Amino acid sequence: MLLFFRHLLSFLALPFVMTVVIPIAIGRGRGIALVWPPDVLSVLGAVAFGIGLLLFSSSLYEFVRRGRGTLAPWDPPRELVVHGPYRYVRNPMISGVVFLILGEALLTHSRPLGEWAAAFALINAVYIPLLEEPMLAHRFGEPYREYCRHVRRFLPRLTPWPE
């Protein structure tokens, strides 16, 4: 039960804020709404949103199942997670959140939400190599460095890295 609340807190503090609270704040007063009937951009948005949801949820599942920690930096996984989507790319959870925000932007034809998706991606493109990866290398040592040699940060592999 405690693990459930740890995960709920980390979810509400991080991805929920990034994909719900901030987009609502951006859209407030701008009349942002779903495009109906759907057009090509909104269909692409639904696809992007679906990809983001799949990446995020499968990454979170692996954190729960194998990592014994949460997605939050203050309560990180205790075990190195290199399964599921992590066999293809090192940061599927961040990629999932970017796809979710991009999907929201396309579903609503919102340039400000598109800018938020780009800003979120840029922030993480700086944060991850400068802060997160050195901490992971320190915590998990050579197994993490070996993983990094074979699995790219943001560009997925075509074939899964062997577990």
C-alpha atoms as a PDB file:
ATOM      1  CA  MET A   1       0.000   0.000   0.000  1.00  0.00           C
ATOM      2  CA  LEU A   2       2.867   2.369   0.785  1.00  0.00           C
ATOM      3  CA  LEU A   3       4.377   1.746  -2.663  1.00  0.00           C
ATOM      4  CA  PHE A   4       1.057   2.698  -4.256  1.00  0.00           C
ATOM      5  CA  PHE A   5       1.051   6.054  -2.455  1.00  0.00           C
ATOM      6  CA  ARG A   6       4.720   6.653  -3.323  1.00  0.00           C
ATOM      7  CA  HIS A   7       3.878   6.102  -6.997  1.00  0.00           C
ATOM      8  CA  LEU A   8       0.736   8.222  -6.810  1.00  0.00           C
ATOM      9  CA  LEU A   9       2.643  11.123  -5.236  1.00  0.00           C
ATOM     10  CA  SER A  10       5.428  10.965  -7.832  1.00  0.00           C
ATOM     11  CA  PHE A  11       2.877  10.737 -10.673  1.00  0.00           C
ATOM     12  CA  LEU A  12       0.883  13.714  -9.398  1.00  0.00           C
ATOM     13  CA  ALA A  13       4.015  15.780  -8.775  1.00  0.00           C
ATOM     14  CA  LEU A  14       5.685  15.164 -12.122  1.00  0.00           C
ATOM     15  CA  PRO A  15       3.940  13.811 -15.263  1.00  0.00           C
ATOM     16  CA  PHE A  16       0.491  14.999 -14.175  1.00  0.00           C
ATOM     17  CA  VAL A  17       1.798  18.531 -13.710  1.00  0.00           C
ATOM     18  CA  MET A  18       3.668  18.432 -17.048  1.00  0.00           C
ATOM     19  CA  THR A  19       0.824  16.967 -19.121  1.00  0.00           C
ATOM     20  CA  VAL A  20      -2.303  18.321 -17.400  1.00  0.00           C
ATOM     21  CA  VAL A  21      -1.680  21.253 -15.038  1.00  0.00           C
ATOM     22  CA  ILE A  22       0.749  23.217 -17.232  1.00  0.00           C
ATOM     23  CA  PRO A  23      -1.234  22.656 -20.471  1.00  0.00           C
ATOM     24  CA  ILE A  24      -4.405  23.843 -18.699  1.00  0.00           C
ATOM     25  CA  ALA A  25      -2.544  26.927 -17.470  1.00  0.00           C
ATOM     26  CA  ILE A  26      -1.220  27.575 -20.986  1.00  0.00           C
ATOM     27  CA  GLY A  27      -4.670  27.111 -22.507  1.00  0.00           C
ATOM     28  CA  ARG A  28      -6.527  29.228 -19.957  1.00  0.00           C
ATOM     29  CA  GLY A  29      -7.951  32.276 -21.689  1.00  0.00           C
ATOM     30  CA  ARG A  30      -6.785  31.132 -25.132  1.00  0.00           C
ATOM     31  CA  GLY A  31      -9.866  29.127 -26.062  1.00  0.00           C
ATOM     32  CA  ILE A  32      -7.869  25.944 -26.663  1.00  0.00           C
ATOM     33  CA  ALA A  33     -10.155  22.975 -27.331  1.00  0.00           C
ATOM     34  CA  LEU A  34     -10.194  19.690 -29.206  1.00  0.00           C
ATOM     35  CA  VAL A  35     -10.640  20.104 -32.940  1.00  0.00           C
ATOM     36  CA  TRP A  36     -13.934  18.642 -34.151  1.00  0.00           C
ATOM     37  CA  PRO A  37     -14.496  17.176 -36.634  1.00  0.00           C
ATOM     38  CA  PRO A  38     -11.012  15.685 -36.661  1.00  0.00           C
ATOM     39  CA  ASP A  39      -8.571  16.675 -39.369  1.00  0.00           C
ATOM     40  CA  VAL A  40      -5.162  15.293 -40.300  1.00  0.00           C
ATOM     41  CA  LEU A  41      -3.358  17.206 -37.527  1.00  0.00           C
ATOM     42  CA  SER A  42      -5.765  16.089 -34.842  1.00  0.00           C
ATOM     43  CA  VAL A  43      -5.563  12.464 -36.017  1.00  0.00           C
ATOM     44  CA  LEU A  44      -1.753  12.711 -35.829  1.00  0.00           C
ATOM     45  CA  GLY A  45      -2.240  14.190 -32.359  1.00  0.00           C
ATOM     46  CA  ALA A  46      -4.330  11.208 -31.278  1.00  0.00           C
ATOM     47  CA  VAL A  47      -1.618   8.861 -32.590  1.00  0.00           C
ATOM     48  CA  ALA A  48       1.120  10.835 -30.789  1.00  0.00           C
ATOM     49  CA  PHE A  49      -0.940  10.851 -27.586  1.00  0.00           C
ATOM     50  CA  GLY A  50      -1.445   7.083 -27.839  1.00  0.00           C
ATOM     51  CA  ILE A  51       2.288   6.494 -28.388  1.00  0.00           C
ATOM     52  CA  GLY A  52       3.061   8.734 -25.411  1.00  0.00           C
ATOM     53  CA  LEU A  53       0.593   6.930 -23.169  1.00  0.00           C
ATOM     54  CA  LEU A  54       2.011   3.540 -24.193  1.00  0.00           C
ATOM     55  CA  LEU A  55       5.629   4.621 -23.616  1.00  0.00           C
ATOM     56  CA  PHE A  56       4.887   6.275 -20.300  1.00  0.00           C
ATOM     57  CA  SER A  57       2.708   3.498 -18.898  1.00  0.00           C
ATOM     58  CA  SER A  58       5.046   0.670 -19.971  1.00  0.00           C
ATOM     59  CA  SER A  59       8.016   2.558 -18.480  1.00  0.00           C
ATOM     60  CA  LEU A  60       6.153   3.108 -15.224  1.00  0.00           C
ATOM     61  CA  TYR A  61       5.182  -0.577 -15.177  1.00  0.00           C
ATOM     62  CA  GLU A  62       8.867  -1.565 -15.422  1.00  0.00           C
ATOM     63  CA  PHE A  63       9.759   0.829 -12.589  1.00  0.00           C
ATOM     64  CA  VAL A  64       7.099  -0.812 -10.397  1.00  0.00           C
ATOM     65  CA  ARG A  65       7.824  -4.379 -11.475  1.00  0.00           C
ATOM     66  CA  ARG A  66      11.619  -4.372 -11.539  1.00  0.00           C
ATOM     67  CA  GLY A  67      12.946  -1.096 -10.166  1.00  0.00           C
ATOM     68  CA  ARG A  68      11.275  -1.115  -6.744  1.00  0.00           C
ATOM     69  CA  GLY A  69      11.114   2.670  -6.794  1.00  0.00           C
ATOM     70  CA  THR A  70       9.181   5.485  -8.406  1.00  0.00           C
ATOM     71  CA  LEU A  71       9.700   7.847 -11.316  1.00  0.00           C
ATOM     72  CA  ALA A  72      10.549  10.671  -8.897  1.00  0.00           C
ATOM     73  CA  PRO A  73      14.172  11.731  -8.400  1.00  0.00           C
ATOM     74  CA  TRP A  74      13.574  11.799  -4.625  1.00  0.00           C
ATOM     75  CA  ASP A  75      12.424   8.119  -4.639  1.00  0.00           C
ATOM     76  CA  PRO A  76      14.255   6.505  -7.572  1.00  0.00           C
ATOM     77  CA  PRO A  77      14.293   2.828  -8.517  1.00  0.00           C
ATOM     78  CA  ARG A  78      16.549   0.704  -6.331  1.00  0.00           C
ATOM     79  CA  GLU A  79      17.339  -1.669  -9.198  1.00  0.00           C
ATOM     80  CA  LEU A  80      18.596  -0.739 -12.672  1.00  0.00           C
ATOM     81  CA  VAL A  81      15.688  -0.966 -15.111  1.00  0.00           C
ATOM     82  CA  VAL A  82      16.770  -2.146 -18.574  1.00  0.00           C
ATOM     83  CA  HIS A  83      13.649  -4.090 -19.582  1.00  0.00           C
ATOM     84  CA  GLY A  84      10.559  -3.343 -21.635  1.00  0.00           C
ATOM     85  CA  PRO A  85      10.886  -0.069 -23.558  1.00  0.00           C
ATOM     86  CA  TYR A  86      14.255   0.532 -21.868  1.00  0.00           C
ATOM     87  CA  ARG A  87      15.667  -2.169 -24.145  1.00  0.00           C
ATOM     88  CA  TYR A  88      15.202   0.249 -27.058  1.00  0.00           C
ATOM     89  CA  VAL A  89      15.852   3.700 -25.597  1.00  0.00           C
ATOM     90  CA  ARG A  90      17.237   4.975 -22.277  1.00  0.00           C
ATOM     91  CA  ASN A  91      14.518   7.564 -21.634  1.00  0.00           C
ATOM     92  CA  PRO A  92      11.173   6.171 -22.792  1.00  0.00           C
ATOM     93  CA  MET A  93       9.300   7.833 -19.928  1.00  0.00           C
ATOM     94  CA  ILE A  94      10.476  11.325 -20.938  1.00  0.00           C
ATOM     95  CA  SER A  95       9.824  10.490 -24.595  1.00  0.00           C
ATOM     96  CA  GLY A  96       6.336   9.377 -23.585  1.00  0.00           C
ATOM     97  CA  VAL A  97       5.631  12.665 -21.822  1.00  0.00           C
ATOM     98  CA  VAL A  98       6.918  14.630 -24.843  1.00  0.00           C
ATOM     99  CA  PHE A  99       4.597  12.614 -27.114  1.00  0.00           C
ATOM    100  CA  LEU A 100       1.665  13.237 -24.731  1.00  0.00           C
ATOM    101  CA  ILE A 101       2.215  17.018 -24.775  1.00  0.00           C
ATOM    102  CA  LEU A 102       2.806  17.016 -28.536  1.00  0.00           C
ATOM    103  CA  GLY A 103      -0.387  15.001 -28.960  1.00  0.00           C
ATOM    104  CA  GLU A 104      -2.287  17.582 -26.910  1.00  0.00           C
ATOM    105  CA  ALA A 105      -0.844  20.357 -29.063  1.00  0.00           C
ATOM    106  CA  LEU A 106      -1.868  18.643 -32.297  1.00  0.00           C
ATOM    107  CA  LEU A 107      -5.300  17.615 -31.009  1.00  0.00           C
ATOM    108  CA  THR A 108      -6.031  21.254 -30.192  1.00  0.00           C
ATOM    109  CA  HIS A 109      -3.976  22.925 -32.948  1.00  0.00           C
ATOM    110  CA  SER A 110      -2.261  24.867 -30.167  1.00  0.00           C
ATOM    111  CA  ARG A 111       1.049  26.507 -30.977  1.00  0.00           C
ATOM    112  CA  PRO A 112       1.653  27.408 -27.285  1.00  0.00           C
ATOM    113  CA  LEU A 113       1.267  23.731 -26.322  1.00  0.00           C
ATOM    114  CA  GLY A 114       3.648  22.796 -29.143  1.00  0.00           C
ATOM    115  CA  GLU A 115       6.128  25.293 -27.724  1.00  0.00           C
ATOM    116  CA  TRP A 116       5.660  23.730 -24.266  1.00  0.00           C
ATOM    117  CA  ALA A 117       6.405  20.271 -25.770  1.00  0.00           C
ATOM    118  CA  ALA A 118       9.594  21.644 -27.354  1.00  0.00           C
ATOM    119  CA  ALA A 119      10.621  23.402 -24.122  1.00  0.00           C
ATOM    120  CA  PHE A 120      10.018  20.248 -22.069  1.00  0.00           C
ATOM    121  CA  ALA A 121      12.107  18.201 -24.526  1.00  0.00           C
ATOM    122  CA  LEU A 122      14.908  20.782 -24.443  1.00  0.00           C
ATOM    123  CA  ILE A 123      14.932  20.974 -20.633  1.00  0.00           C
ATOM    124  CA  ASN A 124      15.296  17.202 -20.453  1.00  0.00           C
ATOM    125  CA  ALA A 125      17.912  17.122 -23.215  1.00  0.00           C
ATOM    126  CA  VAL A 126      20.038  19.277 -20.899  1.00  0.00           C
ATOM    127  CA  TYR A 127      19.018  17.834 -17.506  1.00  0.00           C
ATOM    128  CA  ILE A 128      19.436  14.147 -18.344  1.00  0.00           C
ATOM    129  CA  PRO A 129      23.084  14.111 -19.501  1.00  0.00           C
ATOM    130  CA  LEU A 130      24.238  16.766 -17.031  1.00  0.00           C
ATOM    131  CA  LEU A 131      22.524  15.574 -13.845  1.00  0.00           C
ATOM    132  CA  GLU A 132      20.525  12.371 -14.136  1.00  0.00           C
ATOM    133  CA  GLU A 133      22.985  10.151 -16.005  1.00  0.00           C
ATOM    134  CA  PRO A 134      25.977  10.920 -13.743  1.00  0.00           C
ATOM    135  CA  MET A 135      23.804  10.041 -10.718  1.00  0.00           C
ATOM    136  CA  LEU A 136      22.734   6.783 -12.366  1.00  0.00           C
ATOM    137  CA  ALA A 137      26.345   5.925 -13.241  1.00  0.00           C
ATOM    138  CA  HIS A 138      27.331   6.532  -9.619  1.00  0.00           C
ATOM    139  CA  ARG A 139      24.397   4.494  -8.250  1.00  0.00           C
ATOM    140  CA  PHE A 140      24.542   1.518 -10.646  1.00  0.00           C
ATOM    141  CA  GLY A 141      28.180   1.550 -11.783  1.00  0.00           C
ATOM    142  CA  GLU A 142      29.465  -0.572 -14.624  1.00  0.00           C
ATOM    143  CA  PRO A 143      26.122  -2.243 -15.496  1.00  0.00           C
ATOM    144  CA  TYR A 144      24.683   1.214 -16.232  1.00  0.00           C
ATOM    145  CA  ARG A 145      27.734   2.308 -18.223  1.00  0.00           C
ATOM    146  CA  GLU A 146      27.505  -0.919 -20.267  1.00  0.00           C
ATOM    147  CA  TYR A 147      23.823  -0.235 -20.887  1.00  0.00           C
ATOM    148  CA  CYS A 148      24.655   3.320 -22.044  1.00  0.00           C
ATOM    149  CA  ARG A 149      27.201   1.980 -24.525  1.00  0.00           C
ATOM    150  CA  HIS A 150      24.467  -0.040 -26.240  1.00  0.00           C
ATOM    151  CA  VAL A 151      21.240   1.935 -25.831  1.00  0.00           C
ATOM    152  CA  ARG A 152      20.972   5.551 -26.988  1.00  0.00           C
ATOM    153  CA  ARG A 153      19.539   8.334 -24.859  1.00  0.00           C
ATOM    154  CA  PHE A 154      16.630   9.444 -27.075  1.00  0.00           C
ATOM    155  CA  LEU A 155      16.906   7.720 -30.465  1.00  0.00           C
ATOM    156  CA  PRO A 156      15.515   4.175 -30.184  1.00  0.00           C
ATOM    157  CA  ARG A 157      17.366   1.087 -31.351  1.00  0.00           C
ATOM    158  CA  LEU A 158      15.745  -0.932 -34.128  1.00  0.00           C
ATOM    159  CA  THR A 159      16.275  -4.169 -32.214  1.00  0.00           C
ATOM    160  CA  PRO A 160      15.996  -4.663 -28.462  1.00  0.00           C
ATOM    161  CA  TRP A 161      19.133  -4.723 -26.344  1.00  0.00           C
ATOM    162  CA  PRO A 162      19.387  -8.185 -24.780  1.00  0.00           C
ATOM    163  CA  GLU A 163      18.267  -8.192 -21.132  1.00  0.00           C
END
